[in-house]
Amino acid sequence: MKHFAVHFLETLRDLGPAGLFVLAILDSAGIPVVSGVDALLVWISVAKPESAYAAAGMALLGSVIGSLGLFFIARKGGEAYLDRYTHSPRGARLRRWFLEYGLLTILFPALVPIPLPLTLFVLSVRASRR
């Protein structure tokens, strides 16, 4: 498995900005790639400085597409999932918070300097909207 991961990352690096685009989609769609997009962006930018802006743009575009995919998946099945797992007092409180503050549930973790995956927040916000 380790050999596959190394080969996969080297292939993405060799693809340059297009590889970064693919990794950003996977990361934002809920497949955890801890700091992988950031590391690959730095790696590509150092290796080929002339493609740094293109790589950053592709990472942004890939992240948006991956998040939109996750958002629409949550739109289909998120409400049933939330109904099943928010019956406890703590879950009900969390759900009320999501219903009341909506956009802030994504804005706050996006602005925190600590790397925080937004996947849970994207899913929760979409699923909490009726």
C-alpha atoms as a PDB file:
ATOM      1  CA  MET A   1       0.000   0.000   0.000  1.00  0.00           C
ATOM      2  CA  LYS A   2       2.848   2.378   0.834  1.00  0.00           C
ATOM      3  CA  HIS A   3       4.377   1.771  -2.598  1.00  0.00           C
ATOM      4  CA  PHE A   4       1.044   2.631  -4.238  1.00  0.00           C
ATOM      5  CA  ALA A   5       0.737   5.877  -2.244  1.00  0.00           C
ATOM      6  CA  VAL A   6       4.258   6.975  -3.170  1.00  0.00           C
ATOM      7  CA  HIS A   7       3.682   6.124  -6.828  1.00  0.00           C
ATOM      8  CA  PHE A   8       0.317   7.952  -6.796  1.00  0.00           C
ATOM      9  CA  LEU A   9       1.842  11.121  -5.309  1.00  0.00           C
ATOM     10  CA  GLU A  10       4.747  11.040  -7.753  1.00  0.00           C
ATOM     11  CA  THR A  11       2.293  10.707 -10.623  1.00  0.00           C
ATOM     12  CA  LEU A  12       0.298  13.693  -9.345  1.00  0.00           C
ATOM     13  CA  ARG A  13       3.508  15.696  -8.985  1.00  0.00           C
ATOM     14  CA  ASP A  14       4.525  14.826 -12.535  1.00  0.00           C
ATOM     15  CA  LEU A  15       1.125  15.987 -13.812  1.00  0.00           C
ATOM     16  CA  GLY A  16       1.785  19.395 -12.250  1.00  0.00           C
ATOM     17  CA  PRO A  17      -1.252  21.648 -11.833  1.00  0.00           C
ATOM     18  CA  ALA A  18      -3.572  18.958 -13.260  1.00  0.00           C
ATOM     19  CA  GLY A  19      -2.399  16.517 -10.581  1.00  0.00           C
ATOM     20  CA  LEU A  20      -3.008  19.144  -7.933  1.00  0.00           C
ATOM     21  CA  PHE A  21      -6.516  19.626  -9.329  1.00  0.00           C
ATOM     22  CA  VAL A  22      -7.242  15.885  -8.912  1.00  0.00           C
ATOM     23  CA  LEU A  23      -5.839  15.805  -5.368  1.00  0.00           C
ATOM     24  CA  ALA A  24      -7.855  18.894  -4.365  1.00  0.00           C
ATOM     25  CA  ILE A  25     -11.074  17.289  -5.628  1.00  0.00           C
ATOM     26  CA  LEU A  26     -10.377  14.122  -3.635  1.00  0.00           C
ATOM     27  CA  ASP A  27      -9.470  16.091  -0.506  1.00  0.00           C
ATOM     28  CA  SER A  28     -12.552  18.303  -0.617  1.00  0.00           C
ATOM     29  CA  ALA A  29     -14.874  15.438  -1.503  1.00  0.00           C
ATOM     30  CA  GLY A  30     -14.210  13.800   1.859  1.00  0.00           C
ATOM     31  CA  ILE A  31     -11.215  11.576   1.157  1.00  0.00           C
ATOM     32  CA  PRO A  32      -8.724  12.729   3.791  1.00  0.00           C
ATOM     33  CA  VAL A  33      -5.408  13.867   2.367  1.00  0.00           C
ATOM     34  CA  VAL A  34      -3.902  15.626   5.388  1.00  0.00           C
ATOM     35  CA  SER A  35      -1.957  18.647   4.094  1.00  0.00           C
ATOM     36  CA  GLY A  36      -1.444  16.805   0.808  1.00  0.00           C
ATOM     37  CA  VAL A  37      -2.766  19.632  -1.338  1.00  0.00           C
ATOM     38  CA  ASP A  38      -0.592  22.187   0.445  1.00  0.00           C
ATOM     39  CA  ALA A  39       2.514  20.008   0.230  1.00  0.00           C
ATOM     40  CA  LEU A  40       1.963  19.236  -3.443  1.00  0.00           C
ATOM     41  CA  LEU A  41       1.375  22.919  -4.208  1.00  0.00           C
ATOM     42  CA  VAL A  42       4.676  23.843  -2.564  1.00  0.00           C
ATOM     43  CA  TRP A  43       6.434  20.945  -4.289  1.00  0.00           C
ATOM     44  CA  ILE A  44       5.155  21.987  -7.732  1.00  0.00           C
ATOM     45  CA  SER A  45       5.857  25.684  -7.090  1.00  0.00           C
ATOM     46  CA  VAL A  46       9.461  25.016  -6.084  1.00  0.00           C
ATOM     47  CA  ALA A  47      10.096  22.606  -8.956  1.00  0.00           C
ATOM     48  CA  LYS A  48       8.481  24.847 -11.607  1.00  0.00           C
ATOM     49  CA  PRO A  49       8.035  28.426 -10.349  1.00  0.00           C
ATOM     50  CA  GLU A  50       6.431  29.482 -13.638  1.00  0.00           C
ATOM     51  CA  SER A  51       3.486  27.169 -12.957  1.00  0.00           C
ATOM     52  CA  ALA A  52       2.921  28.251  -9.336  1.00  0.00           C
ATOM     53  CA  TYR A  53      -0.075  30.468 -10.091  1.00  0.00           C
ATOM     54  CA  ALA A  54      -1.655  27.893 -12.372  1.00  0.00           C
ATOM     55  CA  ALA A  55      -1.169  25.241  -9.690  1.00  0.00           C
ATOM     56  CA  ALA A  56      -2.769  27.442  -7.020  1.00  0.00           C
ATOM     57  CA  GLY A  57      -5.705  28.155  -9.330  1.00  0.00           C
ATOM     58  CA  MET A  58      -6.176  24.466 -10.085  1.00  0.00           C
ATOM     59  CA  ALA A  59      -6.059  23.658  -6.358  1.00  0.00           C
ATOM     60  CA  LEU A  60      -8.753  26.260  -5.731  1.00  0.00           C
ATOM     61  CA  LEU A  61     -10.923  25.008  -8.582  1.00  0.00           C
ATOM     62  CA  GLY A  62     -10.508  21.385  -7.503  1.00  0.00           C
ATOM     63  CA  SER A  63     -11.417  22.269  -3.935  1.00  0.00           C
ATOM     64  CA  VAL A  64     -14.586  24.054  -5.040  1.00  0.00           C
ATOM     65  CA  ILE A  65     -15.637  21.150  -7.274  1.00  0.00           C
ATOM     66  CA  GLY A  66     -14.952  18.580  -4.544  1.00  0.00           C
ATOM     67  CA  SER A  67     -16.915  20.597  -1.977  1.00  0.00           C
ATOM     68  CA  LEU A  68     -19.829  21.020  -4.379  1.00  0.00           C
ATOM     69  CA  GLY A  69     -19.887  17.279  -4.984  1.00  0.00           C
ATOM     70  CA  LEU A  70     -19.959  16.635  -1.258  1.00  0.00           C
ATOM     71  CA  PHE A  71     -22.653  19.294  -0.826  1.00  0.00           C
ATOM     72  CA  PHE A  72     -24.944  17.642  -3.390  1.00  0.00           C
ATOM     73  CA  ILE A  73     -24.366  14.193  -1.909  1.00  0.00           C
ATOM     74  CA  ALA A  74     -25.349  15.584   1.480  1.00  0.00           C
ATOM     75  CA  ARG A  75     -28.414  17.158  -0.091  1.00  0.00           C
ATOM     76  CA  LYS A  76     -29.620  13.680  -1.089  1.00  0.00           C
ATOM     77  CA  GLY A  77     -28.930  11.700   2.081  1.00  0.00           C
ATOM     78  CA  GLY A  78     -27.810  14.114   4.762  1.00  0.00           C
ATOM     79  CA  GLU A  79     -31.184  14.800   6.315  1.00  0.00           C
ATOM     80  CA  ALA A  80     -31.815  11.109   7.013  1.00  0.00           C
ATOM     81  CA  TYR A  81     -28.305  10.774   8.461  1.00  0.00           C
ATOM     82  CA  LEU A  82     -28.794  13.761  10.760  1.00  0.00           C
ATOM     83  CA  ASP A  83     -32.204  12.517  11.884  1.00  0.00           C
ATOM     84  CA  ARG A  84     -30.648   9.214  12.853  1.00  0.00           C
ATOM     85  CA  TYR A  85     -27.698  10.668  14.818  1.00  0.00           C
ATOM     86  CA  THR A  86     -29.041  13.814  16.498  1.00  0.00           C
ATOM     87  CA  HIS A  87     -31.513  12.328  18.951  1.00  0.00           C
ATOM     88  CA  SER A  88     -29.213  12.747  21.955  1.00  0.00           C
ATOM     89  CA  PRO A  89     -29.330  16.073  23.827  1.00  0.00           C
ATOM     90  CA  ARG A  90     -25.845  16.927  22.569  1.00  0.00           C
ATOM     91  CA  GLY A  91     -26.774  16.069  18.969  1.00  0.00           C
ATOM     92  CA  ALA A  92     -29.967  18.119  19.189  1.00  0.00           C
ATOM     93  CA  ARG A  93     -28.001  21.108  20.510  1.00  0.00           C
ATOM     94  CA  LEU A  94     -25.520  20.797  17.634  1.00  0.00           C
ATOM     95  CA  ARG A  95     -28.340  20.602  15.121  1.00  0.00           C
ATOM     96  CA  ARG A  96     -30.034  23.730  16.563  1.00  0.00           C
ATOM     97  CA  TRP A  97     -26.721  25.557  16.299  1.00  0.00           C
ATOM     98  CA  PHE A  98     -26.378  24.579  12.629  1.00  0.00           C
ATOM     99  CA  LEU A  99     -29.946  25.670  11.881  1.00  0.00           C
ATOM    100  CA  GLU A 100     -29.439  29.012  13.592  1.00  0.00           C
ATOM    101  CA  TYR A 101     -25.994  29.998  12.316  1.00  0.00           C
ATOM    102  CA  GLY A 102     -25.826  28.349   8.860  1.00  0.00           C
ATOM    103  CA  LEU A 103     -22.929  29.968   6.990  1.00  0.00           C
ATOM    104  CA  LEU A 104     -20.891  30.555  10.144  1.00  0.00           C
ATOM    105  CA  THR A 105     -20.584  26.793  10.574  1.00  0.00           C
ATOM    106  CA  ILE A 106     -18.330  26.768   7.504  1.00  0.00           C
ATOM    107  CA  LEU A 107     -16.842  30.248   7.801  1.00  0.00           C
ATOM    108  CA  PHE A 108     -15.423  29.764  11.301  1.00  0.00           C
ATOM    109  CA  PRO A 109     -13.476  26.537  10.649  1.00  0.00           C
ATOM    110  CA  ALA A 110     -12.251  27.922   7.314  1.00  0.00           C
ATOM    111  CA  LEU A 111     -10.676  30.920   9.082  1.00  0.00           C
ATOM    112  CA  VAL A 112      -9.071  29.016  11.965  1.00  0.00           C
ATOM    113  CA  PRO A 113      -5.284  28.831  11.525  1.00  0.00           C
ATOM    114  CA  ILE A 114      -5.206  25.191  12.648  1.00  0.00           C
ATOM    115  CA  PRO A 115      -5.735  22.812   9.700  1.00  0.00           C
ATOM    116  CA  LEU A 116      -9.337  21.727  10.148  1.00  0.00           C
ATOM    117  CA  PRO A 117     -11.120  19.573   7.598  1.00  0.00           C
ATOM    118  CA  LEU A 118     -14.281  21.277   6.380  1.00  0.00           C
ATOM    119  CA  THR A 119     -15.921  18.046   5.213  1.00  0.00           C
ATOM    120  CA  LEU A 120     -18.026  17.564   8.346  1.00  0.00           C
ATOM    121  CA  PHE A 121     -19.179  21.172   8.235  1.00  0.00           C
ATOM    122  CA  VAL A 122     -20.113  21.062   4.549  1.00  0.00           C
ATOM    123  CA  LEU A 123     -22.139  17.902   5.142  1.00  0.00           C
ATOM    124  CA  SER A 124     -23.828  19.231   8.263  1.00  0.00           C
ATOM    125  CA  VAL A 125     -24.836  22.582   6.836  1.00  0.00           C
ATOM    126  CA  ARG A 126     -26.410  21.097   3.729  1.00  0.00           C
ATOM    127  CA  ALA A 127     -28.167  18.360   5.642  1.00  0.00           C
ATOM    128  CA  SER A 128     -29.561  20.801   8.186  1.00  0.00           C
ATOM    129  CA  ARG A 129     -31.309  22.910   5.521  1.00  0.00           C
ATOM    130  CA  ARG A 130     -34.822  21.837   4.704  1.00  0.00           C
END
